[in-house]
C-alpha atoms as a PDB file:
ATOM      1  CA  MET A   1      -0.073   0.112   0.141  1.00  0.00           C
ATOM      2  CA  PRO A   2       1.120   3.343  -0.888  1.00  0.00           C
ATOM      3  CA  ASP A   3       2.591   5.961   2.046  1.00  0.00           C
ATOM      4  CA  LEU A   4      -0.263   8.257   2.602  1.00  0.00           C
ATOM      5  CA  ASN A   5       0.280  12.104   3.261  1.00  0.00           C
ATOM      6  CA  ASN A   6      -1.957  13.539   6.193  1.00  0.00           C
ATOM      7  CA  ILE A   7      -2.680  16.796   5.155  1.00  0.00           C
ATOM      8  CA  GLU A   8      -4.878  19.790   6.887  1.00  0.00           C
ATOM      9  CA  VAL A   9      -6.907  21.900   4.674  1.00  0.00           C
ATOM     10  CA  VAL A  10      -9.265  24.395   5.639  1.00  0.00           C
ATOM     11  CA  ILE A  11     -12.400  25.052   3.159  1.00  0.00           C
ATOM     12  CA  SER A  12     -14.625  27.877   3.961  1.00  0.00           C
ATOM     13  CA  GLY A  13     -13.474  28.394   7.676  1.00  0.00           C
ATOM     14  CA  GLN A  14     -13.663  24.577   8.934  1.00  0.00           C
ATOM     15  CA  LYS A  15     -10.220  22.742   9.110  1.00  0.00           C
ATOM     16  CA  PHE A  16     -10.080  19.108   7.652  1.00  0.00           C
ATOM     17  CA  LYS A  17      -7.452  16.424   7.726  1.00  0.00           C
ATOM     18  CA  VAL A  18      -7.147  14.439   4.424  1.00  0.00           C
ATOM     19  CA  GLN A  19      -4.893  11.067   3.710  1.00  0.00           C
ATOM     20  CA  SER A  20      -3.791  11.136   0.267  1.00  0.00           C
ATOM     21  CA  ASP A  21      -0.802   9.663  -1.976  1.00  0.00           C
ATOM     22  CA  GLU A  22      -0.716  13.422  -3.267  1.00  0.00           C
ATOM     23  CA  SER A  23       1.795  15.976  -2.529  1.00  0.00           C
ATOM     24  CA  LYS A  24       1.146  18.678  -0.134  1.00  0.00           C
ATOM     25  CA  GLU A  25       1.447  21.427  -2.926  1.00  0.00           C
ATOM     26  CA  TYR A  26      -1.491  19.270  -5.057  1.00  0.00           C
ATOM     27  CA  ILE A  27      -3.659  19.061  -2.105  1.00  0.00           C
ATOM     28  CA  LYS A  28      -3.308  22.640  -1.479  1.00  0.00           C
ATOM     29  CA  LYS A  29      -3.995  23.466  -5.028  1.00  0.00           C
ATOM     30  CA  ILE A  30      -7.480  21.926  -4.561  1.00  0.00           C
ATOM     31  CA  GLU A  31      -7.746  23.848  -1.420  1.00  0.00           C
ATOM     32  CA  GLU A  32      -7.384  26.792  -2.875  1.00  0.00           C
ATOM     33  CA  MET A  33      -9.675  26.381  -5.782  1.00  0.00           C
ATOM     34  CA  ILE A  34     -12.495  24.995  -4.274  1.00  0.00           C
ATOM     35  CA  ASN A  35     -12.158  28.060  -1.249  1.00  0.00           C
ATOM     36  CA  LYS A  36     -11.934  30.665  -4.573  1.00  0.00           C
ATOM     37  CA  LYS A  37     -15.185  29.243  -5.736  1.00  0.00           C
ATOM     38  CA  ILE A  38     -16.898  29.386  -2.511  1.00  0.00           C
ATOM     39  CA  ASP A  39     -15.648  33.130  -2.129  1.00  0.00           C
ATOM     40  CA  ASN A  40     -16.904  33.972  -5.700  1.00  0.00           C
ATOM     41  CA  PHE A  41     -20.742  32.683  -4.667  1.00  0.00           C
ATOM     42  CA  LYS A  42     -20.186  34.524  -1.378  1.00  0.00           C
ATOM     43  CA  ASP A  43     -19.103  37.994  -3.282  1.00  0.00           C
ATOM     44  CA  SER A  44     -21.571  37.360  -6.198  1.00  0.00           C
ATOM     45  CA  ASN A  45     -24.947  37.118  -3.866  1.00  0.00           C
ATOM     46  CA  LYS A  46     -24.736  38.141   0.377  1.00  0.00           C
ATOM     47  CA  LYS A  47     -27.861  35.649   0.445  1.00  0.00           C
ATOM     48  CA  PHE A  48     -25.166  32.542  -0.142  1.00  0.00           C
ATOM     49  CA  ASP A  49     -24.442  31.229   3.511  1.00  0.00           C
ATOM     50  CA  ASN A  50     -21.471  28.623   3.898  1.00  0.00           C
ATOM     51  CA  TYR A  51     -24.013  26.025   2.923  1.00  0.00           C
ATOM     52  CA  SER A  52     -25.192  27.055  -0.122  1.00  0.00           C
ATOM     53  CA  SER A  53     -21.620  28.292  -1.548  1.00  0.00           C
ATOM     54  CA  LEU A  54     -20.677  24.656  -0.622  1.00  0.00           C
ATOM     55  CA  VAL A  55     -23.612  23.378  -2.467  1.00  0.00           C
ATOM     56  CA  PHE A  56     -23.141  25.167  -5.390  1.00  0.00           C
ATOM     57  CA  THR A  57     -19.553  24.951  -5.670  1.00  0.00           C
ATOM     58  CA  SER A  58     -19.916  21.165  -5.446  1.00  0.00           C
ATOM     59  CA  PHE A  59     -22.768  21.491  -8.164  1.00  0.00           C
ATOM     60  CA  LEU A  60     -20.114  23.465 -10.481  1.00  0.00           C
ATOM     61  CA  LEU A  61     -16.882  20.666  -9.571  1.00  0.00           C
ATOM     62  CA  ALA A  62     -19.443  17.991 -10.205  1.00  0.00           C
ATOM     63  CA  ASP A  63     -20.205  19.373 -13.809  1.00  0.00           C
ATOM     64  CA  LYS A  64     -16.451  20.119 -14.906  1.00  0.00           C
ATOM     65  CA  TYR A  65     -15.947  16.388 -13.815  1.00  0.00           C
ATOM     66  CA  LEU A  66     -18.636  15.156 -15.667  1.00  0.00           C
ATOM     67  CA  LYS A  67     -17.535  17.424 -18.959  1.00  0.00           C
ATOM     68  CA  LEU A  68     -14.186  16.140 -18.341  1.00  0.00           C
ATOM     69  CA  VAL A  69     -15.211  12.191 -17.972  1.00  0.00           C
ATOM     70  CA  ASP A  70     -17.534  12.734 -21.167  1.00  0.00           C
ATOM     71  CA  LYS A  71     -14.454  14.402 -23.026  1.00  0.00           C
ATOM     72  CA  LEU A  72     -12.019  11.412 -22.100  1.00  0.00           C
ATOM     73  CA  GLU A  73     -14.805   8.833 -23.117  1.00  0.00           C
ATOM     74  CA  GLU A  74     -14.569  10.790 -26.573  1.00  0.00           C
ATOM     75  CA  VAL A  75     -11.013  10.697 -26.519  1.00  0.00           C
ATOM     76  CA  GLU A  76     -11.326   7.021 -25.664  1.00  0.00           C
ATOM     77  CA  ASP A  77     -13.426   6.267 -28.458  1.00  0.00           C
ATOM     78  CA  ASN A  78     -11.314   8.265 -31.123  1.00  0.00           C
ATOM     79  CA  LYS A  79      -8.271   6.379 -29.855  1.00  0.00           C
ATOM     80  CA  VAL A  80      -6.014   5.056 -32.589  1.00  0.00           C
ATOM     81  CA  ASN A  81      -5.214   1.690 -32.631  1.00  0.00           C
ATOM     82  CA  LEU A  82      -1.705   0.337 -32.298  1.00  0.00           C
ATOM     83  CA  SER A  83      -1.399  -1.016 -35.992  1.00  0.00           C
ATOM     84  CA  GLU A  84      -2.485   2.640 -37.326  1.00  0.00           C
ATOM     85  CA  VAL A  85       0.224   3.920 -34.896  1.00  0.00           C
ATOM     86  CA  LYS A  86       2.615   1.818 -36.424  1.00  0.00           C
ATOM     87  CA  ASP A  87       1.571   2.645 -39.929  1.00  0.00           C
ATOM     88  CA  MET A  88       1.460   6.386 -39.386  1.00  0.00           C
ATOM     89  CA  LYS A  89       5.083   6.131 -38.088  1.00  0.00           C
ATOM     90  CA  ARG A  90       6.291   4.000 -41.383  1.00  0.00           C
ATOM     91  CA  LYS A  91       4.620   6.620 -43.397  1.00  0.00           C
ATOM     92  CA  MET A  92       6.094   9.337 -41.983  1.00  0.00           C
ATOM     93  CA  ASN A  93       9.816   7.748 -42.131  1.00  0.00           C
ATOM     94  CA  GLU A  94       9.129   7.630 -45.830  1.00  0.00           C
ATOM     95  CA  TYR A  95       8.401  10.867 -46.013  1.00  0.00           C
ATOM     96  CA  ARG A  96      11.524  11.658 -44.017  1.00  0.00           C
ATOM     97  CA  GLU A  97      13.441   9.700 -46.463  1.00  0.00           C
ATOM     98  CA  LYS A  98      11.754  11.518 -49.404  1.00  0.00           C
ATOM     99  CA  ILE A  99      12.433  14.866 -47.911  1.00  0.00           C
ATOM    100  CA  LYS A 100      16.135  13.999 -47.036  1.00  0.00           C
ATOM    101  CA  GLN A 101      16.459  12.959 -50.909  1.00  0.00           C
ATOM    102  CA  MET A 102      14.682  15.824 -52.087  1.00  0.00           C
ATOM    103  CA  GLU A 103      16.928  18.195 -49.721  1.00  0.00           C
ATOM    104  CA  GLU A 104      20.179  15.918 -51.276  1.00  0.00           C
ATOM    105  CA  GLU A 105      18.934  16.778 -54.600  1.00  0.00           C
ATOM    106  CA  LYS A 106      18.213  20.010 -53.996  1.00  0.00           C
ATOM    107  CA  GLU A 107      21.754  20.581 -52.667  1.00  0.00           C
ATOM    108  CA  GLU A 108      23.225  19.114 -56.013  1.00  0.00           C
ATOM    109  CA  ASN A 109      20.742  21.315 -58.202  1.00  0.00           C
ATOM    110  CA  LEU A 110      22.063  24.270 -56.045  1.00  0.00           C
ATOM    111  CA  GLN A 111      26.009  23.690 -56.984  1.00  0.00           C
ATOM    112  CA  GLU A 112      25.138  22.802 -60.477  1.00  0.00           C
ATOM    113  CA  MET A 113      23.456  26.211 -60.683  1.00  0.00           C
ATOM    114  CA  ILE A 114      26.340  28.084 -58.956  1.00  0.00           C
ATOM    115  CA  ASP A 115      28.886  26.531 -61.443  1.00  0.00           C
ATOM    116  CA  LYS A 116      26.736  27.338 -64.153  1.00  0.00           C
ATOM    117  CA  ASN A 117      26.555  30.828 -63.019  1.00  0.00           C
ATOM    118  CA  ASN A 118      30.525  30.887 -62.212  1.00  0.00           C
ATOM    119  CA  LYS A 119      30.708  29.665 -65.947  1.00  0.00           C
ATOM    120  CA  TYR A 120      28.478  32.612 -67.001  1.00  0.00           C
ATOM    121  CA  GLY A 121      30.162  35.165 -65.113  1.00  0.00           C
ATOM    122  CA  SER A 122      33.615  34.018 -66.482  1.00  0.00           C
ATOM    123  CA  MET A 123      32.297  33.977 -69.940  1.00  0.00           C
ATOM    124  CA  LYS A 124      30.587  37.400 -69.270  1.00  0.00           C
ATOM    125  CA  SER A 125      33.991  38.448 -68.229  1.00  0.00           C
ATOM    126  CA  GLY A 126      35.481  37.495 -71.396  1.00  0.00           C
ATOM    127  CA  LEU A 127      33.167  38.920 -73.587  1.00  0.00           C
ATOM    128  CA  GLU A 128      33.298  42.452 -71.760  1.00  0.00           C
ATOM    129  CA  ASP A 129      37.139  41.978 -72.565  1.00  0.00           C
ATOM    130  CA  TYR A 130      36.558  40.935 -75.926  1.00  0.00           C
ATOM    131  CA  LYS A 131      34.442  44.116 -76.176  1.00  0.00           C
ATOM    132  CA  SER A 132      37.007  46.525 -74.610  1.00  0.00           C
ATOM    133  CA  GLN A 133      39.609  45.361 -76.704  1.00  0.00           C
ATOM    134  CA  MET A 134      37.272  45.718 -79.918  1.00  0.00           C
ATOM    135  CA  GLU A 135      36.540  48.919 -78.575  1.00  0.00           C
ATOM    136  CA  GLU A 136      40.225  49.868 -78.557  1.00  0.00           C
ATOM    137  CA  LYS A 137      40.813  48.359 -81.989  1.00  0.00           C
ATOM    138  CA  GLU A 138      37.906  50.506 -83.308  1.00  0.00           C
ATOM    139  CA  GLU A 139      39.587  53.638 -82.011  1.00  0.00           C
ATOM    140  CA  GLU A 140      42.816  52.267 -83.499  1.00  0.00           C
ATOM    141  CA  LEU A 141      41.146  51.664 -86.732  1.00  0.00           C
ATOM    142  CA  SER A 142      39.860  54.867 -86.748  1.00  0.00           C
ATOM    143  CA  VAL A 143      42.952  56.939 -85.989  1.00  0.00           C
ATOM    144  CA  ILE A 144      44.645  55.044 -88.843  1.00  0.00           C
ATOM    145  CA  LYS A 145      41.802  55.797 -91.272  1.00  0.00           C
ATOM    146  CA  ASP A 146      42.319  59.534 -90.324  1.00  0.00           C
ATOM    147  CA  LEU A 147      46.084  59.163 -91.033  1.00  0.00           C
ATOM    148  CA  LEU A 148      45.436  57.015 -94.321  1.00  0.00           C
ATOM    149  CA  GLU A 149      42.654  59.865 -95.398  1.00  0.00           C
ATOM    150  CA  GLU A 150      45.299  62.559 -94.441  1.00  0.00           C
ATOM    151  CA  ALA A 151      48.286  60.673 -96.395  1.00  0.00           C
ATOM    152  CA  GLU A 152      45.894  60.330 -99.399  1.00  0.00           C
ATOM    153  CA  ASN A 153      45.451  64.042 -99.310  1.00  0.00           C
ATOM    154  CA  LYS A 154      49.059  64.677 -99.260  1.00  0.00           C
ATOM    155  CA  ASN A 155      49.165  62.582-102.054  1.00  0.00           C
ATOM    156  CA  LYS A 156      46.753  64.229-104.087  1.00  0.00           C
ATOM    157  CA  THR A 157      48.471  67.501-103.339  1.00  0.00           C
ATOM    158  CA  LEU A 158      52.066  66.516-104.021  1.00  0.00           C
ATOM    159  CA  LYS A 159      50.395  64.535-107.194  1.00  0.00           C
ATOM    160  CA  ARG A 160      49.148  68.272-108.076  1.00  0.00           C
ATOM    161  CA  GLU A 161      52.160  69.656-107.434  1.00  0.00           C
ATOM    162  CA  LEU A 162      54.149  67.320-109.264  1.00  0.00           C
ATOM    163  CA  PHE A 163      51.928  67.670-112.444  1.00  0.00           C
ATOM    164  CA  LEU A 164      52.479  71.338-111.997  1.00  0.00           C
ATOM    165  CA  ILE A 165      56.364  71.148-111.575  1.00  0.00           C
ATOM    166  CA  LYS A 166      56.246  69.054-114.540  1.00  0.00           C
ATOM    167  CA  GLU A 167      54.083  71.212-116.896  1.00  0.00           C
ATOM    168  CA  GLN A 168      56.321  74.351-115.617  1.00  0.00           C
ATOM    169  CA  ARG A 169      59.216  72.434-116.531  1.00  0.00           C
ATOM    170  CA  GLU A 170      57.890  71.449-120.079  1.00  0.00           C
ATOM    171  CA  ILE A 171      56.906  74.940-120.811  1.00  0.00           C
ATOM    172  CA  ASN A 172      60.605  76.211-119.516  1.00  0.00           C
ATOM    173  CA  ASN A 173      61.941  73.385-121.782  1.00  0.00           C
ATOM    174  CA  GLU A 174      60.166  74.551-124.875  1.00  0.00           C
END
């Protein structure tokens, strides 16, 4: 037989001795709850004496108790049997395994995307270098075209002068 604790409680001003295998703290909690309910009745209506307050408190606590019993029976009726629990655990493990596999695939895909992004960045950088070199070559080509045009103009001028000199010489030789 379990050891029983002897605990003194005071309910509505009367002392009672309670023997219980529950802790003193738990019994005192019950005492406090009952006294609060009684005090609520007394405060709500001054016509309630100790006896009436005790009766109404008992009524309310019995009501709560019966509602809890009904809920407990409802829970018992809705209990899941052991095979359903095992099946749920098996499915949960399958889902965990699928999640793990999907996370691994996600990591692989992410790494592949990072690699492709790095490759793209390097290609883009290379294209930018080529573009820069093309712009430099175009500038050089523009300078060369200007120089060529200037050389052609000088060449034309020199040809004219040469022609004039030849003409002058022919005139002088005649």
